[in-house]
Amino acid sequence: MIIAIIAHDGKKAEMVQFLNEHRDILLQKKIVLISTGTTGEKVSKAGFEVNALLSGPLGGDAQIAARVAEGQCDMVLFFRDPLDRHPHEPDILMLMRLCDVHDVPLATNPATANLLMKSI
């Protein structure tokens, strides 16, 4: 299973904490993690193996969206910061739309991500 992880700047620590809380599931199920660049750096420093793509504003969200469209991503965990402005909002909306089009589970907050992790 391939899971994409993305977190806006204000949510990166929350993503690392979430992954730490689910480390056993990720290891037991041999989950492959892909991420946007900066999120990947933070997650890698926390001891997770992750394939980091470009930073979100530089095209990382679009790269993950492409993988969703190509059937190369099984789930997306995207901890969004709804209180901040993001110059790459069109890429974010495209990713979310493609998750809906291709029926790929998408969590935009830890509560929903917890439910998805329990389903694995």
Protein backbone atom coordinates (compact mmCIF):
# COMPACT_ATOMS: atom_id res chain seq x y z
CA MET A 1 0.00 0.00 0.00
CA ILE A 2 1.25 3.46 -0.90
CA ILE A 3 0.19 6.38 1.28
CA ALA A 4 0.89 10.00 0.37
CA ILE A 5 1.50 12.35 3.29
CA ILE A 6 1.31 16.12 3.03
CA ALA A 7 1.19 18.72 5.78
CA HIS A 8 1.07 22.49 5.62
CA ASP A 9 3.78 24.24 7.62
CA GLY A 10 1.60 24.70 10.70
CA LYS A 11 0.66 21.00 10.65
CA LYS A 12 4.00 19.28 10.02
CA ALA A 13 4.67 18.52 13.70
CA GLU A 14 1.15 17.10 13.94
CA MET A 15 1.88 14.82 10.97
CA VAL A 16 5.10 13.54 12.56
CA GLN A 17 3.24 12.89 15.81
CA PHE A 18 0.48 11.08 13.91
CA LEU A 19 2.98 8.84 12.12
CA ASN A 20 4.77 8.08 15.38
CA GLU A 21 1.46 7.04 16.93
CA HIS A 22 0.85 4.68 13.99
CA ARG A 23 4.42 3.46 13.52
CA ASP A 24 3.51 -0.18 14.29
CA ILE A 25 0.79 -0.31 11.63
CA LEU A 26 3.03 1.35 9.07
CA LEU A 27 5.83 -1.15 9.70
CA GLN A 28 3.67 -4.27 10.04
CA LYS A 29 1.75 -3.57 6.85
CA LYS A 30 4.91 -2.48 5.03
CA ILE A 31 3.34 0.83 4.01
CA VAL A 32 5.29 2.85 1.44
CA LEU A 33 5.21 6.57 2.20
CA ILE A 34 5.49 9.29 -0.42
CA SER A 35 5.35 12.96 0.45
CA THR A 36 5.85 16.50 -0.61
CA GLY A 37 9.39 17.76 -0.06
CA THR A 38 9.37 19.64 3.22
CA THR A 39 6.97 17.22 4.89
CA GLY A 40 9.24 14.40 3.75
CA GLU A 41 12.27 16.06 5.34
CA LYS A 42 10.50 16.33 8.71
CA VAL A 43 9.18 12.78 8.54
CA SER A 44 12.57 11.41 7.51
CA LYS A 45 14.24 13.15 10.47
CA ALA A 46 11.72 11.35 12.70
CA GLY A 47 13.06 8.02 11.44
CA PHE A 48 10.57 7.12 8.70
CA GLU A 49 11.53 5.98 5.24
CA VAL A 50 9.79 8.25 2.77
CA ASN A 51 10.08 9.09 -0.91
CA ALA A 52 9.99 12.90 -0.89
CA LEU A 53 8.91 14.66 -4.07
CA LEU A 54 8.99 18.41 -4.70
CA SER A 55 7.80 20.89 -2.09
CA GLY A 56 4.06 21.56 -2.37
CA PRO A 57 4.35 25.11 -3.75
CA LEU A 58 6.94 23.91 -6.28
CA GLY A 59 4.73 21.14 -7.66
CA GLY A 60 4.76 18.38 -5.05
CA ASP A 61 0.98 18.46 -4.62
CA ALA A 62 0.63 18.11 -8.40
CA GLN A 63 3.11 15.20 -8.43
CA ILE A 64 1.05 13.36 -5.83
CA ALA A 65 -2.14 14.19 -7.75
CA ALA A 66 -0.57 12.60 -10.84
CA ARG A 67 0.19 9.44 -8.88
CA VAL A 68 -3.40 9.33 -7.68
CA ALA A 69 -4.61 9.65 -11.28
CA GLU A 70 -2.22 6.90 -12.42
CA GLY A 71 -3.37 4.50 -9.70
CA GLN A 72 -0.01 4.67 -7.90
CA CYS A 73 -1.35 5.96 -4.58
CA ASP A 74 -3.84 4.17 -2.33
CA MET A 75 -4.51 6.83 0.30
CA VAL A 76 -3.73 10.50 0.93
CA LEU A 77 -3.23 12.03 4.37
CA PHE A 78 -3.16 15.79 3.89
CA PHE A 79 -3.09 17.79 7.12
CA ARG A 80 -4.30 21.14 5.82
CA ASP A 81 -4.13 24.44 7.64
CA PRO A 82 -7.50 26.00 6.85
CA LEU A 83 -6.62 29.25 8.64
CA ASP A 84 -3.64 30.13 6.43
CA ARG A 85 -3.45 31.25 2.80
CA HIS A 86 -1.65 29.03 0.31
CA PRO A 87 -0.41 30.32 -3.05
CA HIS A 88 -0.64 26.81 -4.53
CA GLU A 89 -4.34 26.39 -3.64
CA PRO A 90 -5.22 25.34 -7.24
CA ASP A 91 -2.87 22.34 -6.90
CA ILE A 92 -4.42 21.44 -3.55
CA LEU A 93 -7.93 21.56 -5.00
CA MET A 94 -6.79 19.48 -7.99
CA LEU A 95 -5.39 16.81 -5.66
CA MET A 96 -8.57 16.69 -3.65
CA ARG A 97 -10.70 16.51 -6.82
CA LEU A 98 -8.60 13.67 -8.23
CA CYS A 99 -8.95 11.72 -4.98
CA ASP A 100 -12.72 12.00 -5.45
CA VAL A 101 -12.58 11.14 -9.16
CA HIS A 102 -10.42 8.05 -8.59
CA ASP A 103 -12.08 7.00 -5.31
CA VAL A 104 -8.88 7.35 -3.27
CA PRO A 105 -9.43 7.85 0.48
CA LEU A 106 -8.39 11.36 1.58
CA ALA A 107 -8.02 12.60 5.16
CA THR A 108 -7.52 16.30 5.71
CA ASN A 109 -7.27 16.16 9.50
CA PRO A 110 -5.95 13.76 12.17
CA ALA A 111 -9.41 12.55 13.25
CA THR A 112 -10.24 11.29 9.76
CA ALA A 113 -6.70 9.97 9.28
CA ASN A 114 -7.07 7.92 12.49
CA LEU A 115 -10.22 6.30 11.12
CA LEU A 116 -8.47 5.47 7.85
CA MET A 117 -5.48 3.96 9.66
CA LYS A 118 -7.81 1.75 11.71
CA SER A 119 -9.24 0.40 8.46
CA ILE A 120 -5.89 -0.87 7.18
